[in-house]
Amino acid sequence: MEKVLHRLEYGHGKMSDMDLLVDVSKKIEGNTICPLGDAAAWPVASAIRHFRDEFEWHVTNPIEATTRNYGLAHYADPLPKVETKVA
């Protein structure tokens, strides 16, 4: 799932990748002993269910998807230090 998501994000995805991700998440969900399997599958299936058009946009606009700044780049910057005075 991680490799397919990476492929979609970086402009190498196909339309069939979204269906593949949903299919894989359905096969994982409820079929593992480890609860981490369900925990990994649910967010992917939910994201595709609610934002499929955005996944499709990444497939149809691969160059723009890899070069466009969505305005969130500043979240990766370190937070400024805040000094606190102890009384």
PDB file of N, CA and C in Angstrom:
ATOM      1  N   MET A   1       0.827  -1.186   0.000  1.00  0.00           N
ATOM      2  CA  MET A   1       0.000   0.000   0.000  1.00  0.00           C
ATOM      3  C   MET A   1       0.871   1.248   0.000  1.00  0.00           C
ATOM      4  N   GLU A   2       1.947   1.196   0.763  1.00  0.00           N
ATOM      5  CA  GLU A   2       2.815   2.370   0.841  1.00  0.00           C
ATOM      6  C   GLU A   2       3.461   2.663  -0.509  1.00  0.00           C
ATOM      7  N   LYS A   3       3.864   1.643  -1.213  1.00  0.00           N
ATOM      8  CA  LYS A   3       4.503   1.846  -2.521  1.00  0.00           C
ATOM      9  C   LYS A   3       3.520   2.412  -3.540  1.00  0.00           C
ATOM     10  N   VAL A   4       2.282   1.947  -3.501  1.00  0.00           N
ATOM     11  CA  VAL A   4       1.264   2.453  -4.437  1.00  0.00           C
ATOM     12  C   VAL A   4       0.943   3.904  -4.102  1.00  0.00           C
ATOM     13  N   LEU A   5       0.815   4.221  -2.822  1.00  0.00           N
ATOM     14  CA  LEU A   5       0.566   5.611  -2.423  1.00  0.00           C
ATOM     15  C   LEU A   5       1.720   6.515  -2.846  1.00  0.00           C
ATOM     16  N   HIS A   6       2.930   6.032  -2.683  1.00  0.00           N
ATOM     17  CA  HIS A   6       4.110   6.803  -3.096  1.00  0.00           C
ATOM     18  C   HIS A   6       4.075   7.056  -4.602  1.00  0.00           C
ATOM     19  N   ARG A   7       3.731   6.016  -5.344  1.00  0.00           N
ATOM     20  CA  ARG A   7       3.644   6.144  -6.799  1.00  0.00           C
ATOM     21  C   ARG A   7       2.591   7.184  -7.188  1.00  0.00           C
ATOM     22  N   LEU A   8       1.442   7.175  -6.519  1.00  0.00           N
ATOM     23  CA  LEU A   8       0.392   8.157  -6.794  1.00  0.00           C
ATOM     24  C   LEU A   8       0.855   9.569  -6.461  1.00  0.00           C
ATOM     25  N   GLU A   9       1.492   9.712  -5.332  1.00  0.00           N
ATOM     26  CA  GLU A   9       1.909  11.038  -4.867  1.00  0.00           C
ATOM     27  C   GLU A   9       2.953  11.667  -5.776  1.00  0.00           C
ATOM     28  N   TYR A  10       3.832  10.848  -6.336  1.00  0.00           N
ATOM     29  CA  TYR A  10       4.937  11.388  -7.112  1.00  0.00           C
ATOM     30  C   TYR A  10       4.747  11.266  -8.620  1.00  0.00           C
ATOM     31  N   GLY A  11       3.479  11.208  -9.056  1.00  0.00           N
ATOM     32  CA  GLY A  11       3.160  11.336 -10.469  1.00  0.00           C
ATOM     33  C   GLY A  11       3.346  10.111 -11.323  1.00  0.00           C
ATOM     34  N   HIS A  12       3.444   8.940 -10.720  1.00  0.00           N
ATOM     35  CA  HIS A  12       3.624   7.718 -11.495  1.00  0.00           C
ATOM     36  C   HIS A  12       2.440   6.773 -11.353  1.00  0.00           C
ATOM     37  N   GLY A  13       1.345   7.262 -10.807  1.00  0.00           N
ATOM     38  CA  GLY A  13       0.195   6.412 -10.545  1.00  0.00           C
ATOM     39  C   GLY A  13      -0.695   6.195 -11.754  1.00  0.00           C
ATOM     40  N   LYS A  14      -1.576   5.220 -11.618  1.00  0.00           N
ATOM     41  CA  LYS A  14      -2.568   4.910 -12.647  1.00  0.00           C
ATOM     42  C   LYS A  14      -3.944   4.990 -11.983  1.00  0.00           C
ATOM     43  N   MET A  15      -4.976   5.168 -12.780  1.00  0.00           N
ATOM     44  CA  MET A  15      -6.337   5.232 -12.236  1.00  0.00           C
ATOM     45  C   MET A  15      -6.691   3.943 -11.496  1.00  0.00           C
ATOM     46  N   SER A  16      -6.176   2.825 -11.961  1.00  0.00           N
ATOM     47  CA  SER A  16      -6.497   1.545 -11.328  1.00  0.00           C
ATOM     48  C   SER A  16      -5.851   1.395  -9.944  1.00  0.00           C
ATOM     49  N   ASP A  17      -4.874   2.246  -9.614  1.00  0.00           N
ATOM     50  CA  ASP A  17      -4.216   2.163  -8.312  1.00  0.00           C
ATOM     51  C   ASP A  17      -5.176   2.435  -7.164  1.00  0.00           C
ATOM     52  N   MET A  18      -6.144   3.330  -7.367  1.00  0.00           N
ATOM     53  CA  MET A  18      -7.094   3.622  -6.297  1.00  0.00           C
ATOM     54  C   MET A  18      -7.944   2.390  -5.983  1.00  0.00           C
ATOM     55  N   ASP A  19      -8.402   1.703  -7.024  1.00  0.00           N
ATOM     56  CA  ASP A  19      -9.178   0.483  -6.814  1.00  0.00           C
ATOM     57  C   ASP A  19      -8.315  -0.606  -6.179  1.00  0.00           C
ATOM     58  N   LEU A  20      -7.054  -0.669  -6.576  1.00  0.00           N
ATOM     59  CA  LEU A  20      -6.132  -1.629  -5.979  1.00  0.00           C
ATOM     60  C   LEU A  20      -5.983  -1.375  -4.483  1.00  0.00           C
ATOM     61  N   LEU A  21      -5.824  -0.117  -4.090  1.00  0.00           N
ATOM     62  CA  LEU A  21      -5.674   0.222  -2.678  1.00  0.00           C
ATOM     63  C   LEU A  21      -6.924  -0.139  -1.878  1.00  0.00           C
ATOM     64  N   VAL A  22      -8.091   0.145  -2.431  1.00  0.00           N
ATOM     65  CA  VAL A  22      -9.336  -0.194  -1.739  1.00  0.00           C
ATOM     66  C   VAL A  22      -9.460  -1.708  -1.605  1.00  0.00           C
ATOM     67  N   ASP A  23      -9.122  -2.432  -2.662  1.00  0.00           N
ATOM     68  CA  ASP A  23      -9.198  -3.891  -2.644  1.00  0.00           C
ATOM     69  C   ASP A  23      -8.242  -4.482  -1.610  1.00  0.00           C
ATOM     70  N   VAL A  24      -7.031  -3.991  -1.574  1.00  0.00           N
ATOM     71  CA  VAL A  24      -6.048  -4.483  -0.606  1.00  0.00           C
ATOM     72  C   VAL A  24      -6.498  -4.170   0.818  1.00  0.00           C
ATOM     73  N   SER A  25      -7.018  -2.973   1.044  1.00  0.00           N
ATOM     74  CA  SER A  25      -7.453  -2.621   2.398  1.00  0.00           C
ATOM     75  C   SER A  25      -8.629  -3.485   2.843  1.00  0.00           C
ATOM     76  N   LYS A  26      -9.518  -3.843   1.917  1.00  0.00           N
ATOM     77  CA  LYS A  26     -10.637  -4.737   2.271  1.00  0.00           C
ATOM     78  C   LYS A  26     -10.133  -6.133   2.615  1.00  0.00           C
ATOM     79  N   LYS A  27      -9.074  -6.568   1.944  1.00  0.00           N
ATOM     80  CA  LYS A  27      -8.520  -7.893   2.222  1.00  0.00           C
ATOM     81  C   LYS A  27      -7.758  -7.921   3.542  1.00  0.00           C
ATOM     82  N   ILE A  28      -7.204  -6.804   3.937  1.00  0.00           N
ATOM     83  CA  ILE A  28      -6.484  -6.727   5.212  1.00  0.00           C
ATOM     84  C   ILE A  28      -7.472  -6.612   6.371  1.00  0.00           C
ATOM     85  N   GLU A  29      -8.471  -5.774   6.199  1.00  0.00           N
ATOM     86  CA  GLU A  29      -9.419  -5.463   7.275  1.00  0.00           C
ATOM     87  C   GLU A  29     -10.156  -6.719   7.743  1.00  0.00           C
ATOM     88  N   GLY A  30      -9.998  -7.006   9.027  1.00  0.00           N
ATOM     89  CA  GLY A  30     -10.688  -8.132   9.636  1.00  0.00           C
ATOM     90  C   GLY A  30     -10.080  -9.489   9.356  1.00  0.00           C
ATOM     91  N   ASN A  31      -8.968  -9.539   8.657  1.00  0.00           N
ATOM     92  CA  ASN A  31      -8.362 -10.823   8.309  1.00  0.00           C
ATOM     93  C   ASN A  31      -6.994 -11.031   8.929  1.00  0.00           C
ATOM     94  N   THR A  32      -6.630 -10.200   9.877  1.00  0.00           N
ATOM     95  CA  THR A  32      -5.338 -10.373  10.532  1.00  0.00           C
ATOM     96  C   THR A  32      -5.550 -10.499  12.032  1.00  0.00           C
ATOM     97  N   ILE A  33      -4.628 -11.134  12.676  1.00  0.00           N
ATOM     98  CA  ILE A  33      -4.688 -11.225  14.138  1.00  0.00           C
ATOM     99  C   ILE A  33      -4.257  -9.897  14.747  1.00  0.00           C
ATOM    100  N   CYS A  34      -3.314  -9.263  14.110  1.00  0.00           N
ATOM    101  CA  CYS A  34      -2.763  -8.010  14.614  1.00  0.00           C
ATOM    102  C   CYS A  34      -3.701  -6.841  14.314  1.00  0.00           C
ATOM    103  N   PRO A  35      -4.062  -6.064  15.316  1.00  0.00           N
ATOM    104  CA  PRO A  35      -4.936  -4.909  15.065  1.00  0.00           C
ATOM    105  C   PRO A  35      -4.259  -3.805  14.255  1.00  0.00           C
ATOM    106  N   LEU A  36      -2.943  -3.869  14.129  1.00  0.00           N
ATOM    107  CA  LEU A  36      -2.246  -2.860  13.339  1.00  0.00           C
ATOM    108  C   LEU A  36      -2.576  -2.985  11.853  1.00  0.00           C
ATOM    109  N   GLY A  37      -2.967  -4.172  11.400  1.00  0.00           N
ATOM    110  CA  GLY A  37      -3.376  -4.341  10.011  1.00  0.00           C
ATOM    111  C   GLY A  37      -4.607  -3.512   9.710  1.00  0.00           C
ATOM    112  N   ASP A  38      -5.625  -3.615  10.574  1.00  0.00           N
ATOM    113  CA  ASP A  38      -6.819  -2.796  10.408  1.00  0.00           C
ATOM    114  C   ASP A  38      -6.486  -1.315  10.513  1.00  0.00           C
ATOM    115  N   ALA A  39      -5.620  -0.989  11.460  1.00  0.00           N
ATOM    116  CA  ALA A  39      -5.258   0.417  11.667  1.00  0.00           C
ATOM    117  C   ALA A  39      -4.528   0.995  10.462  1.00  0.00           C
ATOM    118  N   ALA A  40      -3.846   0.167   9.698  1.00  0.00           N
ATOM    119  CA  ALA A  40      -3.160   0.639   8.496  1.00  0.00           C
ATOM    120  C   ALA A  40      -4.109   0.730   7.313  1.00  0.00           C
ATOM    121  N   ALA A  41      -5.099  -0.143   7.266  1.00  0.00           N
ATOM    122  CA  ALA A  41      -6.001  -0.201   6.115  1.00  0.00           C
ATOM    123  C   ALA A  41      -7.079   0.875   6.158  1.00  0.00           C
ATOM    124  N   TRP A  42      -7.611   1.171   7.314  1.00  0.00           N
ATOM    125  CA  TRP A  42      -8.736   2.110   7.422  1.00  0.00           C
ATOM    126  C   TRP A  42      -8.439   3.506   6.886  1.00  0.00           C
ATOM    127  N   PRO A  43      -7.323   4.136   7.235  1.00  0.00           N
ATOM    128  CA  PRO A  43      -7.090   5.503   6.740  1.00  0.00           C
ATOM    129  C   PRO A  43      -6.975   5.581   5.220  1.00  0.00           C
ATOM    130  N   VAL A  44      -6.361   4.582   4.614  1.00  0.00           N
ATOM    131  CA  VAL A  44      -6.202   4.592   3.158  1.00  0.00           C
ATOM    132  C   VAL A  44      -7.557   4.467   2.480  1.00  0.00           C
ATOM    133  N   ALA A  45      -8.359   3.505   2.917  1.00  0.00           N
ATOM    134  CA  ALA A  45      -9.690   3.313   2.323  1.00  0.00           C
ATOM    135  C   ALA A  45     -10.566   4.535   2.552  1.00  0.00           C
ATOM    136  N   SER A  46     -10.482   5.118   3.728  1.00  0.00           N
ATOM    137  CA  SER A  46     -11.278   6.307   4.043  1.00  0.00           C
ATOM    138  C   SER A  46     -10.860   7.504   3.197  1.00  0.00           C
ATOM    139  N   ALA A  47      -9.556   7.690   3.026  1.00  0.00           N
ATOM    140  CA  ALA A  47      -9.067   8.814   2.218  1.00  0.00           C
ATOM    141  C   ALA A  47      -9.531   8.687   0.777  1.00  0.00           C
ATOM    142  N   ILE A  48      -9.485   7.487   0.239  1.00  0.00           N
ATOM    143  CA  ILE A  48      -9.925   7.296  -1.142  1.00  0.00           C
ATOM    144  C   ILE A  48     -11.435   7.469  -1.249  1.00  0.00           C
ATOM    145  N   ARG A  49     -12.166   6.976  -0.263  1.00  0.00           N
ATOM    146  CA  ARG A  49     -13.622   7.105  -0.281  1.00  0.00           C
ATOM    147  C   ARG A  49     -14.051   8.576  -0.242  1.00  0.00           C
ATOM    148  N   HIS A  50     -13.396   9.380   0.569  1.00  0.00           N
ATOM    149  CA  HIS A  50     -13.796  10.778   0.740  1.00  0.00           C
ATOM    150  C   HIS A  50     -13.115  11.747  -0.227  1.00  0.00           C
ATOM    151  N   PHE A  51     -11.935  11.414  -0.704  1.00  0.00           N
ATOM    152  CA  PHE A  51     -11.160  12.342  -1.533  1.00  0.00           C
ATOM    153  C   PHE A  51     -10.671  11.703  -2.824  1.00  0.00           C
ATOM    154  N   ARG A  52     -11.465  10.833  -3.413  1.00  0.00           N
ATOM    155  CA  ARG A  52     -11.047  10.134  -4.631  1.00  0.00           C
ATOM    156  C   ARG A  52     -10.678  11.111  -5.752  1.00  0.00           C
ATOM    157  N   ASP A  53     -11.417  12.204  -5.843  1.00  0.00           N
ATOM    158  CA  ASP A  53     -11.124  13.174  -6.904  1.00  0.00           C
ATOM    159  C   ASP A  53      -9.718  13.750  -6.761  1.00  0.00           C
ATOM    160  N   GLU A  54      -9.231  13.897  -5.548  1.00  0.00           N
ATOM    161  CA  GLU A  54      -7.875  14.399  -5.353  1.00  0.00           C
ATOM    162  C   GLU A  54      -6.831  13.358  -5.756  1.00  0.00           C
ATOM    163  N   PHE A  55      -7.096  12.094  -5.487  1.00  0.00           N
ATOM    164  CA  PHE A  55      -6.200  11.030  -5.943  1.00  0.00           C
ATOM    165  C   PHE A  55      -6.172  11.004  -7.466  1.00  0.00           C
ATOM    166  N   GLU A  56      -7.346  11.125  -8.085  1.00  0.00           N
ATOM    167  CA  GLU A  56      -7.423  11.131  -9.546  1.00  0.00           C
ATOM    168  C   GLU A  56      -6.691  12.336 -10.129  1.00  0.00           C
ATOM    169  N   TRP A  57      -6.755  13.473  -9.444  1.00  0.00           N
ATOM    170  CA  TRP A  57      -6.048  14.666  -9.900  1.00  0.00           C
ATOM    171  C   TRP A  57      -4.546  14.403  -9.966  1.00  0.00           C
ATOM    172  N   HIS A  58      -4.021  13.680  -8.993  1.00  0.00           N
ATOM    173  CA  HIS A  58      -2.591  13.356  -8.990  1.00  0.00           C
ATOM    174  C   HIS A  58      -2.212  12.484 -10.180  1.00  0.00           C
ATOM    175  N   VAL A  59      -3.148  11.649 -10.632  1.00  0.00           N
ATOM    176  CA  VAL A  59      -2.880  10.799 -11.791  1.00  0.00           C
ATOM    177  C   VAL A  59      -2.973  11.611 -13.082  1.00  0.00           C
ATOM    178  N   THR A  60      -3.967  12.470 -13.182  1.00  0.00           N
ATOM    179  CA  THR A  60      -4.174  13.217 -14.426  1.00  0.00           C
ATOM    180  C   THR A  60      -3.261  14.426 -14.562  1.00  0.00           C
ATOM    181  N   ASN A  61      -2.680  14.910 -13.470  1.00  0.00           N
ATOM    182  CA  ASN A  61      -1.791  16.077 -13.489  1.00  0.00           C
ATOM    183  C   ASN A  61      -0.475  15.753 -12.774  1.00  0.00           C
ATOM    184  N   PRO A  62       0.289  14.808 -13.284  1.00  0.00           N
ATOM    185  CA  PRO A  62       1.476  14.365 -12.541  1.00  0.00           C
ATOM    186  C   PRO A  62       2.545  15.434 -12.357  1.00  0.00           C
ATOM    187  N   ILE A  63       2.751  16.277 -13.351  1.00  0.00           N
ATOM    188  CA  ILE A  63       3.803  17.293 -13.230  1.00  0.00           C
ATOM    189  C   ILE A  63       3.409  18.343 -12.202  1.00  0.00           C
ATOM    190  N   GLU A  64       2.189  18.807 -12.282  1.00  0.00           N
ATOM    191  CA  GLU A  64       1.725  19.811 -11.322  1.00  0.00           C
ATOM    192  C   GLU A  64       1.669  19.234  -9.910  1.00  0.00           C
ATOM    193  N   ALA A  65       1.307  17.976  -9.787  1.00  0.00           N
ATOM    194  CA  ALA A  65       1.216  17.342  -8.473  1.00  0.00           C
ATOM    195  C   ALA A  65       2.571  17.269  -7.780  1.00  0.00           C
ATOM    196  N   THR A  66       3.637  17.151  -8.560  1.00  0.00           N
ATOM    197  CA  THR A  66       4.960  17.032  -7.950  1.00  0.00           C
ATOM    198  C   THR A  66       5.660  18.375  -7.766  1.00  0.00           C
ATOM    199  N   THR A  67       5.172  19.439  -8.417  1.00  0.00           N
ATOM    200  CA  THR A  67       5.859  20.720  -8.331  1.00  0.00           C
ATOM    201  C   THR A  67       5.075  21.795  -7.598  1.00  0.00           C
ATOM    202  N   ARG A  68       3.798  21.631  -7.443  1.00  0.00           N
ATOM    203  CA  ARG A  68       2.956  22.671  -6.871  1.00  0.00           C
ATOM    204  C   ARG A  68       3.083  22.726  -5.354  1.00  0.00           C
ATOM    205  N   ASN A  69       3.193  23.925  -4.820  1.00  0.00           N
ATOM    206  CA  ASN A  69       3.233  24.138  -3.381  1.00  0.00           C
ATOM    207  C   ASN A  69       1.813  24.408  -2.916  1.00  0.00           C
ATOM    208  N   TYR A  70       1.331  23.593  -2.040  1.00  0.00           N
ATOM    209  CA  TYR A  70      -0.045  23.716  -1.572  1.00  0.00           C
ATOM    210  C   TYR A  70      -0.190  24.690  -0.410  1.00  0.00           C
ATOM    211  N   GLY A  71       0.868  25.384  -0.090  1.00  0.00           N
ATOM    212  CA  GLY A  71       0.786  26.361   0.993  1.00  0.00           C
ATOM    213  C   GLY A  71       1.014  25.756   2.362  1.00  0.00           C
ATOM    214  N   LEU A  72       1.374  24.485   2.412  1.00  0.00           N
ATOM    215  CA  LEU A  72       1.597  23.822   3.690  1.00  0.00           C
ATOM    216  C   LEU A  72       3.071  23.566   3.970  1.00  0.00           C
ATOM    217  N   ALA A  73       3.926  24.031   3.084  1.00  0.00           N
ATOM    218  CA  ALA A  73       5.354  23.758   3.227  1.00  0.00           C
ATOM    219  C   ALA A  73       5.905  24.334   4.529  1.00  0.00           C
ATOM    220  N   HIS A  74       5.329  25.415   5.024  1.00  0.00           N
ATOM    221  CA  HIS A  74       5.849  26.032   6.246  1.00  0.00           C
ATOM    222  C   HIS A  74       5.655  25.143   7.473  1.00  0.00           C
ATOM    223  N   TYR A  75       4.782  24.127   7.400  1.00  0.00           N
ATOM    224  CA  TYR A  75       4.588  23.225   8.531  1.00  0.00           C
ATOM    225  C   TYR A  75       5.806  22.348   8.764  1.00  0.00           C
ATOM    226  N   ALA A  76       6.634  22.201   7.752  1.00  0.00           N
ATOM    227  CA  ALA A  76       7.848  21.402   7.905  1.00  0.00           C
ATOM    228  C   ALA A  76       8.964  22.204   8.567  1.00  0.00           C
ATOM    229  N   ASP A  77       8.815  23.528   8.643  1.00  0.00           N
ATOM    230  CA  ASP A  77       9.819  24.354   9.286  1.00  0.00           C
ATOM    231  C   ASP A  77       9.776  24.140  10.795  1.00  0.00           C
ATOM    232  N   PRO A  78      10.911  24.256  11.451  1.00  0.00           N
ATOM    233  CA  PRO A  78      10.907  24.116  12.908  1.00  0.00           C
ATOM    234  C   PRO A  78      10.137  25.265  13.568  1.00  0.00           C
ATOM    235  N   LEU A  79       9.514  24.957  14.666  1.00  0.00           N
ATOM    236  CA  LEU A  79       8.767  25.979  15.402  1.00  0.00           C
ATOM    237  C   LEU A  79       9.726  26.955  16.070  1.00  0.00           C
ATOM    238  N   PRO A  80       9.345  28.225  16.140  1.00  0.00           N
ATOM    239  CA  PRO A  80      10.214  29.187  16.817  1.00  0.00           C
ATOM    240  C   PRO A  80      10.239  28.884  18.315  1.00  0.00           C
ATOM    241  N   LYS A  81      11.384  29.147  18.923  1.00  0.00           N
ATOM    242  CA  LYS A  81      11.510  28.901  20.355  1.00  0.00           C
ATOM    243  C   LYS A  81      10.781  29.990  21.128  1.00  0.00           C
ATOM    244  N   VAL A  82      10.043  29.560  22.116  1.00  0.00           N
ATOM    245  CA  VAL A  82       9.316  30.486  22.974  1.00  0.00           C
ATOM    246  C   VAL A  82       9.956  30.424  24.342  1.00  0.00           C
ATOM    247  N   GLU A  83      10.409  31.579  24.803  1.00  0.00           N
ATOM    248  CA  GLU A  83      11.047  31.609  26.116  1.00  0.00           C
ATOM    249  C   GLU A  83       9.989  31.805  27.189  1.00  0.00           C
ATOM    250  N   THR A  84      10.087  31.046  28.219  1.00  0.00           N
ATOM    251  CA  THR A  84       9.160  31.175  29.342  1.00  0.00           C
ATOM    252  C   THR A  84       9.943  31.620  30.564  1.00  0.00           C
ATOM    253  N   LYS A  85       9.357  32.546  31.299  1.00  0.00           N
ATOM    254  CA  LYS A  85      10.007  33.042  32.517  1.00  0.00           C
ATOM    255  C   LYS A  85       9.425  32.310  33.706  1.00  0.00           C
ATOM    256  N   VAL A  86      10.321  31.845  34.543  1.00  0.00           N
ATOM    257  CA  VAL A  86       9.906  31.160  35.763  1.00  0.00           C
ATOM    258  C   VAL A  86       9.939  32.183  36.897  1.00  0.00           C
ATOM    259  N   ALA A  87       8.807  32.307  37.565  1.00  0.00           N
ATOM    260  CA  ALA A  87       8.720  33.304  38.627  1.00  0.00           C
ATOM    261  C   ALA A  87       9.259  32.808  39.920  1.00  0.00           C
TER     262      ALA A  87
END
